[in-house]
């Protein structure tokens, strides 16, 4: 889990979530959530095959990259776990 601020200075948390299903490929994805009240957003095209790899990658992302990913996620308006495709 990583904490960062967006361009407006609001605190956000970047973490890894797991989607359900029998396929392990791309099971873990990037989840961004505001520390204040509000719903988190998924970025389902940022995926990893293992939680270890996901957490290692997340720990190395810069704040600039996290802000860029947040803008991308908010621009797509992918808001809920239900918006993610089920693993097949």
N, C-alpha and C. Protein backbone atom coordinates (compact mmCIF):
# COMPACT_ATOMS: atom_id res chain seq x y z
N UNK A 1 0.84 -1.15 0.00
CA UNK A 1 0.00 0.00 0.00
C UNK A 1 0.90 1.24 0.00
N UNK A 2 0.51 2.24 -0.82
CA UNK A 2 1.27 3.48 -0.91
C UNK A 2 0.33 4.66 -0.75
N UNK A 3 0.76 5.65 -0.02
CA UNK A 3 0.00 6.87 0.11
C UNK A 3 0.66 7.95 -0.74
N UNK A 4 -0.17 8.77 -1.38
CA UNK A 4 0.34 9.85 -2.21
C UNK A 4 -0.72 10.94 -2.27
N UNK A 5 -0.36 12.09 -2.83
CA UNK A 5 -1.32 13.17 -2.99
C UNK A 5 -1.51 13.47 -4.47
N UNK A 6 -2.73 13.86 -4.81
CA UNK A 6 -3.00 14.24 -6.20
C UNK A 6 -2.59 15.70 -6.40
N UNK A 7 -2.84 16.23 -7.59
CA UNK A 7 -2.45 17.60 -7.91
C UNK A 7 -3.12 18.62 -7.00
N UNK A 8 -4.30 18.28 -6.49
CA UNK A 8 -5.04 19.19 -5.61
C UNK A 8 -4.60 19.07 -4.15
N UNK A 9 -3.65 18.18 -3.86
CA UNK A 9 -3.17 17.99 -2.50
C UNK A 9 -3.99 17.04 -1.66
N UNK A 10 -4.95 16.35 -2.28
CA UNK A 10 -5.78 15.39 -1.56
C UNK A 10 -5.04 14.07 -1.43
N UNK A 11 -5.17 13.45 -0.26
CA UNK A 11 -4.48 12.20 0.02
C UNK A 11 -5.21 11.01 -0.60
N UNK A 12 -4.45 10.14 -1.24
CA UNK A 12 -4.96 8.92 -1.85
C UNK A 12 -4.09 7.75 -1.40
N UNK A 13 -4.66 6.55 -1.49
CA UNK A 13 -3.93 5.32 -1.19
C UNK A 13 -3.97 4.42 -2.42
N UNK A 14 -2.81 3.95 -2.82
CA UNK A 14 -2.70 2.99 -3.92
C UNK A 14 -2.47 1.62 -3.30
N UNK A 15 -3.24 0.64 -3.73
CA UNK A 15 -3.08 -0.70 -3.20
C UNK A 15 -3.33 -1.73 -4.30
N UNK A 16 -3.23 -2.96 -3.92
CA UNK A 16 -3.43 -4.08 -4.83
C UNK A 16 -4.68 -4.82 -4.42
N UNK A 17 -5.51 -5.14 -5.37
CA UNK A 17 -6.71 -5.95 -5.12
C UNK A 17 -6.65 -7.18 -6.00
N UNK A 18 -7.42 -8.17 -5.61
CA UNK A 18 -7.47 -9.43 -6.35
C UNK A 18 -8.87 -9.64 -6.90
N UNK A 19 -8.95 -10.01 -8.17
CA UNK A 19 -10.26 -10.36 -8.73
C UNK A 19 -10.43 -11.87 -8.62
N UNK A 20 -11.65 -12.29 -8.49
CA UNK A 20 -11.92 -13.71 -8.32
C UNK A 20 -11.95 -14.43 -9.66
N UNK A 21 -11.83 -15.71 -9.61
CA UNK A 21 -11.89 -16.53 -10.82
C UNK A 21 -10.78 -17.56 -10.84
N UNK A 22 -10.92 -18.53 -11.70
CA UNK A 22 -9.94 -19.61 -11.74
C UNK A 22 -8.62 -19.25 -12.44
N UNK A 23 -8.62 -18.20 -13.25
CA UNK A 23 -7.42 -17.83 -14.00
C UNK A 23 -6.51 -16.96 -13.14
N UNK A 24 -5.26 -17.36 -12.99
CA UNK A 24 -4.33 -16.59 -12.18
C UNK A 24 -3.69 -15.44 -12.95
N UNK A 25 -3.73 -15.47 -14.28
CA UNK A 25 -3.06 -14.45 -15.08
C UNK A 25 -3.76 -13.11 -14.93
N UNK A 26 -3.02 -12.13 -14.47
CA UNK A 26 -3.57 -10.80 -14.30
C UNK A 26 -4.61 -10.70 -13.20
N UNK A 27 -4.52 -11.57 -12.23
CA UNK A 27 -5.51 -11.61 -11.15
C UNK A 27 -5.44 -10.37 -10.25
N UNK A 28 -4.26 -9.82 -10.07
CA UNK A 28 -4.08 -8.67 -9.18
C UNK A 28 -4.06 -7.39 -9.99
N UNK A 29 -4.72 -6.34 -9.48
CA UNK A 29 -4.82 -5.09 -10.22
C UNK A 29 -4.66 -3.90 -9.27
N UNK A 30 -4.43 -2.74 -9.85
CA UNK A 30 -4.21 -1.51 -9.10
C UNK A 30 -5.54 -0.91 -8.65
N UNK A 31 -5.62 -0.56 -7.37
CA UNK A 31 -6.81 0.05 -6.79
C UNK A 31 -6.38 1.36 -6.13
N UNK A 32 -7.06 2.45 -6.46
CA UNK A 32 -6.76 3.77 -5.92
C UNK A 32 -7.97 4.27 -5.14
N UNK A 33 -7.72 4.72 -3.91
CA UNK A 33 -8.83 5.08 -3.03
C UNK A 33 -8.50 6.38 -2.29
N UNK A 34 -9.46 7.32 -2.25
CA UNK A 34 -9.21 8.56 -1.51
C UNK A 34 -9.21 8.29 -0.01
N UNK A 35 -8.33 8.97 0.71
CA UNK A 35 -8.32 8.80 2.17
C UNK A 35 -9.53 9.45 2.80
N UNK A 36 -10.02 10.53 2.18
CA UNK A 36 -11.26 11.15 2.64
C UNK A 36 -12.41 10.26 2.15
N UNK A 37 -13.60 10.62 2.50
CA UNK A 37 -14.75 9.83 2.06
C UNK A 37 -14.83 9.82 0.55
N UNK A 38 -15.27 8.73 0.03
CA UNK A 38 -15.42 8.59 -1.41
C UNK A 38 -15.12 7.17 -1.83
N UNK A 39 -15.49 6.87 -3.04
CA UNK A 39 -15.32 5.52 -3.56
C UNK A 39 -13.99 5.40 -4.29
N UNK A 40 -13.37 4.26 -4.17
CA UNK A 40 -12.12 4.01 -4.86
C UNK A 40 -12.35 3.71 -6.33
N UNK A 41 -11.26 3.71 -7.09
CA UNK A 41 -11.33 3.42 -8.52
C UNK A 41 -10.33 2.32 -8.87
N UNK A 42 -10.74 1.46 -9.76
CA UNK A 42 -9.88 0.38 -10.23
C UNK A 42 -9.22 0.81 -11.53
N UNK A 43 -8.01 0.34 -11.72
CA UNK A 43 -7.34 0.51 -13.00
C UNK A 43 -7.02 -0.91 -13.47
N UNK A 44 -8.02 -1.56 -14.09
CA UNK A 44 -7.90 -2.98 -14.39
C UNK A 44 -6.87 -3.34 -15.46
N UNK A 45 -6.36 -2.36 -16.20
CA UNK A 45 -5.34 -2.72 -17.18
C UNK A 45 -3.94 -2.72 -16.57
N UNK A 46 -3.81 -2.30 -15.31
CA UNK A 46 -2.54 -2.43 -14.58
C UNK A 46 -2.69 -3.68 -13.73
N UNK A 47 -2.16 -4.80 -14.28
CA UNK A 47 -2.39 -6.10 -13.64
C UNK A 47 -1.08 -6.86 -13.46
N UNK A 48 -1.12 -7.76 -12.50
CA UNK A 48 0.02 -8.61 -12.21
C UNK A 48 -0.45 -10.04 -11.98
N UNK A 49 0.46 -10.98 -12.17
CA UNK A 49 0.14 -12.40 -11.98
C UNK A 49 0.28 -12.85 -10.53
N UNK A 50 1.08 -12.13 -9.74
CA UNK A 50 1.25 -12.54 -8.35
C UNK A 50 1.19 -11.31 -7.44
N UNK A 51 0.78 -11.54 -6.23
CA UNK A 51 0.69 -10.45 -5.26
C UNK A 51 2.08 -9.92 -4.92
N UNK A 52 3.06 -10.80 -4.87
CA UNK A 52 4.43 -10.38 -4.58
C UNK A 52 4.93 -9.39 -5.62
N UNK A 53 4.73 -9.72 -6.89
CA UNK A 53 5.15 -8.82 -7.97
C UNK A 53 4.38 -7.51 -7.92
N UNK A 54 3.09 -7.60 -7.66
CA UNK A 54 2.25 -6.39 -7.59
C UNK A 54 2.74 -5.46 -6.49
N UNK A 55 2.98 -5.99 -5.32
CA UNK A 55 3.42 -5.16 -4.20
C UNK A 55 4.82 -4.58 -4.44
N UNK A 56 5.69 -5.36 -5.03
CA UNK A 56 7.04 -4.87 -5.35
C UNK A 56 6.96 -3.72 -6.35
N UNK A 57 6.15 -3.88 -7.39
CA UNK A 57 6.00 -2.83 -8.39
C UNK A 57 5.38 -1.59 -7.78
N UNK A 58 4.36 -1.76 -6.98
CA UNK A 58 3.70 -0.64 -6.34
C UNK A 58 4.68 0.14 -5.45
N UNK A 59 5.55 -0.56 -4.78
CA UNK A 59 6.51 0.11 -3.89
C UNK A 59 7.54 0.93 -4.67
N UNK A 60 7.71 0.65 -5.96
CA UNK A 60 8.72 1.37 -6.75
C UNK A 60 8.14 2.49 -7.60
N UNK A 61 6.81 2.59 -7.69
CA UNK A 61 6.19 3.65 -8.49
C UNK A 61 6.42 5.01 -7.84
N UNK A 62 6.76 6.00 -8.64
CA UNK A 62 6.94 7.36 -8.13
C UNK A 62 5.58 8.00 -7.90
N UNK A 63 5.57 9.10 -7.14
CA UNK A 63 4.32 9.83 -6.93
C UNK A 63 3.80 10.40 -8.24
N UNK A 64 4.70 10.82 -9.11
CA UNK A 64 4.29 11.34 -10.42
C UNK A 64 3.55 10.25 -11.20
N UNK A 65 4.07 9.04 -11.19
CA UNK A 65 3.42 7.93 -11.88
C UNK A 65 2.08 7.59 -11.23
N UNK A 66 2.02 7.61 -9.92
CA UNK A 66 0.75 7.33 -9.23
C UNK A 66 -0.29 8.39 -9.58
N UNK A 67 0.11 9.65 -9.65
CA UNK A 67 -0.83 10.71 -10.05
C UNK A 67 -1.31 10.50 -11.48
N UNK A 68 -0.41 10.12 -12.35
CA UNK A 68 -0.78 9.86 -13.75
C UNK A 68 -1.78 8.71 -13.83
N UNK A 69 -1.53 7.65 -13.09
CA UNK A 69 -2.45 6.51 -13.07
C UNK A 69 -3.81 6.91 -12.50
N UNK A 70 -3.80 7.76 -11.48
CA UNK A 70 -5.06 8.23 -10.89
C UNK A 70 -5.85 9.03 -11.91
N UNK A 71 -5.20 9.96 -12.62
CA UNK A 71 -5.90 10.74 -13.65
C UNK A 71 -6.50 9.81 -14.70
N UNK A 72 -5.75 8.80 -15.08
CA UNK A 72 -6.23 7.84 -16.07
C UNK A 72 -7.46 7.09 -15.55
N UNK A 73 -7.39 6.63 -14.32
CA UNK A 73 -8.51 5.88 -13.73
C UNK A 73 -9.74 6.76 -13.60
N UNK A 74 -9.57 7.99 -13.14
CA UNK A 74 -10.72 8.88 -12.98
C UNK A 74 -11.30 9.28 -14.32
N UNK A 75 -10.46 9.41 -15.32
CA UNK A 75 -10.93 9.76 -16.65
C UNK A 75 -11.75 8.65 -17.29
N UNK A 76 -11.47 7.43 -16.91
CA UNK A 76 -12.21 6.28 -17.44
C UNK A 76 -13.49 6.02 -16.67
N UNK A 77 -13.54 6.54 -15.42
CA UNK A 77 -14.70 6.35 -14.57
C UNK A 77 -14.98 4.88 -14.30
N UNK A 78 -13.94 4.12 -14.01
CA UNK A 78 -14.11 2.72 -13.57
C UNK A 78 -14.14 2.76 -12.05
N UNK A 79 -15.32 2.63 -11.48
CA UNK A 79 -15.45 2.92 -10.06
C UNK A 79 -15.62 1.72 -9.15
N UNK A 80 -16.12 0.64 -9.61
CA UNK A 80 -16.44 -0.43 -8.66
C UNK A 80 -15.81 -1.74 -9.07
N UNK A 81 -15.66 -2.60 -8.09
CA UNK A 81 -15.14 -3.94 -8.37
C UNK A 81 -16.00 -4.63 -9.42
N UNK A 82 -17.28 -4.34 -9.42
CA UNK A 82 -18.19 -4.95 -10.37
C UNK A 82 -17.90 -4.56 -11.81
N UNK A 83 -17.13 -3.50 -12.01
CA UNK A 83 -16.82 -3.08 -13.37
C UNK A 83 -15.67 -3.88 -13.96
N UNK A 84 -15.03 -4.68 -13.15
CA UNK A 84 -13.93 -5.51 -13.64
C UNK A 84 -14.46 -6.77 -14.30
N UNK A 85 -13.84 -7.16 -15.39
CA UNK A 85 -14.28 -8.41 -16.02
C UNK A 85 -13.93 -9.60 -15.14
N UNK A 86 -14.78 -10.56 -15.12
CA UNK A 86 -14.53 -11.78 -14.37
C UNK A 86 -13.43 -12.57 -15.04
N UNK A 87 -12.60 -13.18 -14.23
CA UNK A 87 -11.56 -14.05 -14.79
C UNK A 87 -12.23 -15.28 -15.39
N UNK A 88 -11.69 -15.75 -16.51
CA UNK A 88 -12.29 -16.94 -17.12
C UNK A 88 -11.30 -18.05 -17.24
